[in-house]
Amino acid sequence: MNIDRDMLLTAGLCHDVGKPYEYNREKQKEWREAPEQCGNPALRHTLYGVYVALAVGLPEEIAHVCGCHSPEGELVQRSLLATIIHHADKAAWRILGCHDRWIFPAV
């Protein structure tokens, strides 16, 4: 099976495009204070990443990687790109020693 290297690099660079939303300190405070209104978090970075990717016109394959590279991807059939990025992302967290905790402290 051939892998498009440009798509793989794009997926690697864009898979966490939704992180600023999930780790926004003001949003985290809102979610903690009223989780019954929007959940906690209201959207994880994966779902927001799908929105951002599609909104700026990235290919659907990249949006799929944004949405499925984290545990949410266990609920769907991951594409080859999403599988590669999932394992690379998981390995990076383990290398950093942060696989069992948040790397960004809550406010």
C-alpha atoms as a PDB file:
ATOM      1  CA  MET A   1       0.000   0.000   0.000  1.00  0.00           C
ATOM      2  CA  ASN A   2       1.372   3.395  -0.992  1.00  0.00           C
ATOM      3  CA  ILE A   3       1.244   6.339   1.369  1.00  0.00           C
ATOM      4  CA  ASP A   4       1.100   9.884   0.059  1.00  0.00           C
ATOM      5  CA  ARG A   5       3.957  11.528   1.949  1.00  0.00           C
ATOM      6  CA  ASP A   6       2.509  15.016   1.552  1.00  0.00           C
ATOM      7  CA  MET A   7      -0.754  13.858   3.115  1.00  0.00           C
ATOM      8  CA  LEU A   8       1.138  12.093   5.909  1.00  0.00           C
ATOM      9  CA  LEU A   9       3.143  15.239   6.694  1.00  0.00           C
ATOM     10  CA  THR A  10       0.002  17.371   6.546  1.00  0.00           C
ATOM     11  CA  ALA A  11      -1.792  14.961   8.869  1.00  0.00           C
ATOM     12  CA  GLY A  12       1.116  15.022  11.301  1.00  0.00           C
ATOM     13  CA  LEU A  13       1.208  18.797  11.337  1.00  0.00           C
ATOM     14  CA  CYS A  14      -2.553  19.323  11.541  1.00  0.00           C
ATOM     15  CA  HIS A  15      -3.858  16.479  13.722  1.00  0.00           C
ATOM     16  CA  ASP A  16      -3.912  18.609  16.899  1.00  0.00           C
ATOM     17  CA  VAL A  17      -5.225  21.799  15.297  1.00  0.00           C
ATOM     18  CA  GLY A  18      -8.098  21.741  17.816  1.00  0.00           C
ATOM     19  CA  LYS A  19      -5.848  21.709  20.924  1.00  0.00           C
ATOM     20  CA  PRO A  20      -6.010  25.483  21.535  1.00  0.00           C
ATOM     21  CA  TYR A  21      -9.769  25.138  21.971  1.00  0.00           C
ATOM     22  CA  GLU A  22      -9.647  22.244  24.432  1.00  0.00           C
ATOM     23  CA  TYR A  23      -6.823  23.772  26.480  1.00  0.00           C
ATOM     24  CA  ASN A  24      -8.128  27.348  26.491  1.00  0.00           C
ATOM     25  CA  ARG A  25      -7.974  28.357  30.157  1.00  0.00           C
ATOM     26  CA  GLU A  26     -11.123  30.483  29.970  1.00  0.00           C
ATOM     27  CA  LYS A  27     -13.097  27.647  28.348  1.00  0.00           C
ATOM     28  CA  GLN A  28     -11.778  25.155  30.917  1.00  0.00           C
ATOM     29  CA  LYS A  29     -12.986  27.456  33.702  1.00  0.00           C
ATOM     30  CA  GLU A  30     -16.440  27.729  32.078  1.00  0.00           C
ATOM     31  CA  TRP A  31     -16.679  23.956  31.657  1.00  0.00           C
ATOM     32  CA  ARG A  32     -15.732  23.314  35.277  1.00  0.00           C
ATOM     33  CA  GLU A  33     -18.198  25.902  36.599  1.00  0.00           C
ATOM     34  CA  ALA A  34     -21.193  24.719  34.550  1.00  0.00           C
ATOM     35  CA  PRO A  35     -20.599  21.246  33.074  1.00  0.00           C
ATOM     36  CA  GLU A  36     -24.347  20.595  32.959  1.00  0.00           C
ATOM     37  CA  GLN A  37     -24.673  23.246  30.215  1.00  0.00           C
ATOM     38  CA  CYS A  38     -22.030  22.122  27.735  1.00  0.00           C
ATOM     39  CA  GLY A  39     -20.227  19.113  29.167  1.00  0.00           C
ATOM     40  CA  ASN A  40     -16.652  19.071  30.351  1.00  0.00           C
ATOM     41  CA  PRO A  41     -15.042  19.687  27.955  1.00  0.00           C
ATOM     42  CA  ALA A  42     -17.824  20.724  25.635  1.00  0.00           C
ATOM     43  CA  LEU A  43     -15.800  19.419  22.701  1.00  0.00           C
ATOM     44  CA  ARG A  44     -12.466  17.677  22.770  1.00  0.00           C
ATOM     45  CA  HIS A  45      -9.743  18.897  20.451  1.00  0.00           C
ATOM     46  CA  THR A  46     -10.488  16.073  18.044  1.00  0.00           C
ATOM     47  CA  LEU A  47     -13.995  17.248  17.192  1.00  0.00           C
ATOM     48  CA  TYR A  48     -13.028  20.893  17.080  1.00  0.00           C
ATOM     49  CA  GLY A  49     -10.077  19.912  14.876  1.00  0.00           C
ATOM     50  CA  VAL A  50     -12.475  18.343  12.371  1.00  0.00           C
ATOM     51  CA  TYR A  51     -14.425  21.598  12.273  1.00  0.00           C
ATOM     52  CA  VAL A  52     -11.290  23.710  11.764  1.00  0.00           C
ATOM     53  CA  ALA A  53      -9.875  21.401   9.099  1.00  0.00           C
ATOM     54  CA  LEU A  54     -13.088  21.403   7.073  1.00  0.00           C
ATOM     55  CA  ALA A  55     -13.713  25.113   7.616  1.00  0.00           C
ATOM     56  CA  VAL A  56     -10.356  26.048   6.091  1.00  0.00           C
ATOM     57  CA  GLY A  57     -10.738  23.636   3.193  1.00  0.00           C
ATOM     58  CA  LEU A  58      -8.338  20.865   4.160  1.00  0.00           C
ATOM     59  CA  PRO A  59      -9.062  17.480   2.565  1.00  0.00           C
ATOM     60  CA  GLU A  60     -11.555  15.229   4.311  1.00  0.00           C
ATOM     61  CA  GLU A  61      -8.741  12.712   4.906  1.00  0.00           C
ATOM     62  CA  ILE A  62      -6.994  15.286   7.112  1.00  0.00           C
ATOM     63  CA  ALA A  63     -10.232  16.094   8.957  1.00  0.00           C
ATOM     64  CA  HIS A  64     -10.633  12.359   9.594  1.00  0.00           C
ATOM     65  CA  VAL A  65      -7.148  12.224  11.144  1.00  0.00           C
ATOM     66  CA  CYS A  66      -7.985  15.240  13.334  1.00  0.00           C
ATOM     67  CA  GLY A  67     -11.089  13.490  14.595  1.00  0.00           C
ATOM     68  CA  CYS A  68      -9.823   9.946  14.929  1.00  0.00           C
ATOM     69  CA  HIS A  69      -6.216  10.060  16.118  1.00  0.00           C
ATOM     70  CA  SER A  70      -7.185  10.035  19.818  1.00  0.00           C
ATOM     71  CA  PRO A  71      -9.327   7.551  21.784  1.00  0.00           C
ATOM     72  CA  GLU A  72     -12.415   8.756  19.911  1.00  0.00           C
ATOM     73  CA  GLY A  73     -10.998   6.919  16.928  1.00  0.00           C
ATOM     74  CA  GLU A  74     -11.698   3.611  18.642  1.00  0.00           C
ATOM     75  CA  LEU A  75     -15.353   4.127  17.747  1.00  0.00           C
ATOM     76  CA  VAL A  76     -14.797   4.233  13.971  1.00  0.00           C
ATOM     77  CA  GLN A  77     -12.668   2.508  11.370  1.00  0.00           C
ATOM     78  CA  ARG A  78      -9.506   4.602  11.185  1.00  0.00           C
ATOM     79  CA  SER A  79      -7.915   5.306   7.848  1.00  0.00           C
ATOM     80  CA  LEU A  80      -4.291   4.311   7.328  1.00  0.00           C
ATOM     81  CA  LEU A  81      -3.220   7.943   7.868  1.00  0.00           C
ATOM     82  CA  ALA A  82      -5.231   8.179  11.081  1.00  0.00           C
ATOM     83  CA  THR A  83      -3.749   4.897  12.316  1.00  0.00           C
ATOM     84  CA  ILE A  84      -0.192   6.072  11.659  1.00  0.00           C
ATOM     85  CA  ILE A  85      -0.789   9.417  13.376  1.00  0.00           C
ATOM     86  CA  HIS A  86      -2.589   7.707  16.270  1.00  0.00           C
ATOM     87  CA  HIS A  87       0.409   5.478  16.987  1.00  0.00           C
ATOM     88  CA  ALA A  88       2.917   8.302  16.501  1.00  0.00           C
ATOM     89  CA  ASP A  89       0.915  10.568  18.821  1.00  0.00           C
ATOM     90  CA  LYS A  90       0.607   7.851  21.452  1.00  0.00           C
ATOM     91  CA  ALA A  91       4.346   7.148  21.238  1.00  0.00           C
ATOM     92  CA  ALA A  92       5.171  10.848  21.596  1.00  0.00           C
ATOM     93  CA  TRP A  93       3.072  11.114  24.766  1.00  0.00           C
ATOM     94  CA  ARG A  94       4.790   8.052  26.206  1.00  0.00           C
ATOM     95  CA  ILE A  95       8.224   9.425  25.355  1.00  0.00           C
ATOM     96  CA  LEU A  96       7.288  12.665  27.101  1.00  0.00           C
ATOM     97  CA  GLY A  97       6.132  10.638  30.099  1.00  0.00           C
ATOM     98  CA  CYS A  98       2.727  12.312  30.003  1.00  0.00           C
ATOM     99  CA  HIS A  99       0.523   9.474  28.803  1.00  0.00           C
ATOM    100  CA  ASP A 100      -1.336   9.232  32.098  1.00  0.00           C
ATOM    101  CA  ARG A 101      -1.895  12.914  32.899  1.00  0.00           C
ATOM    102  CA  TRP A 102      -2.676  16.273  31.343  1.00  0.00           C
ATOM    103  CA  ILE A 103       0.407  18.067  30.121  1.00  0.00           C
ATOM    104  CA  PHE A 104      -1.310  21.451  30.468  1.00  0.00           C
ATOM    105  CA  PRO A 105      -2.410  22.329  34.000  1.00  0.00           C
ATOM    106  CA  ALA A 106      -6.006  23.312  34.581  1.00  0.00           C
ATOM    107  CA  VAL A 107      -6.743  26.785  35.871  1.00  0.00           C
END
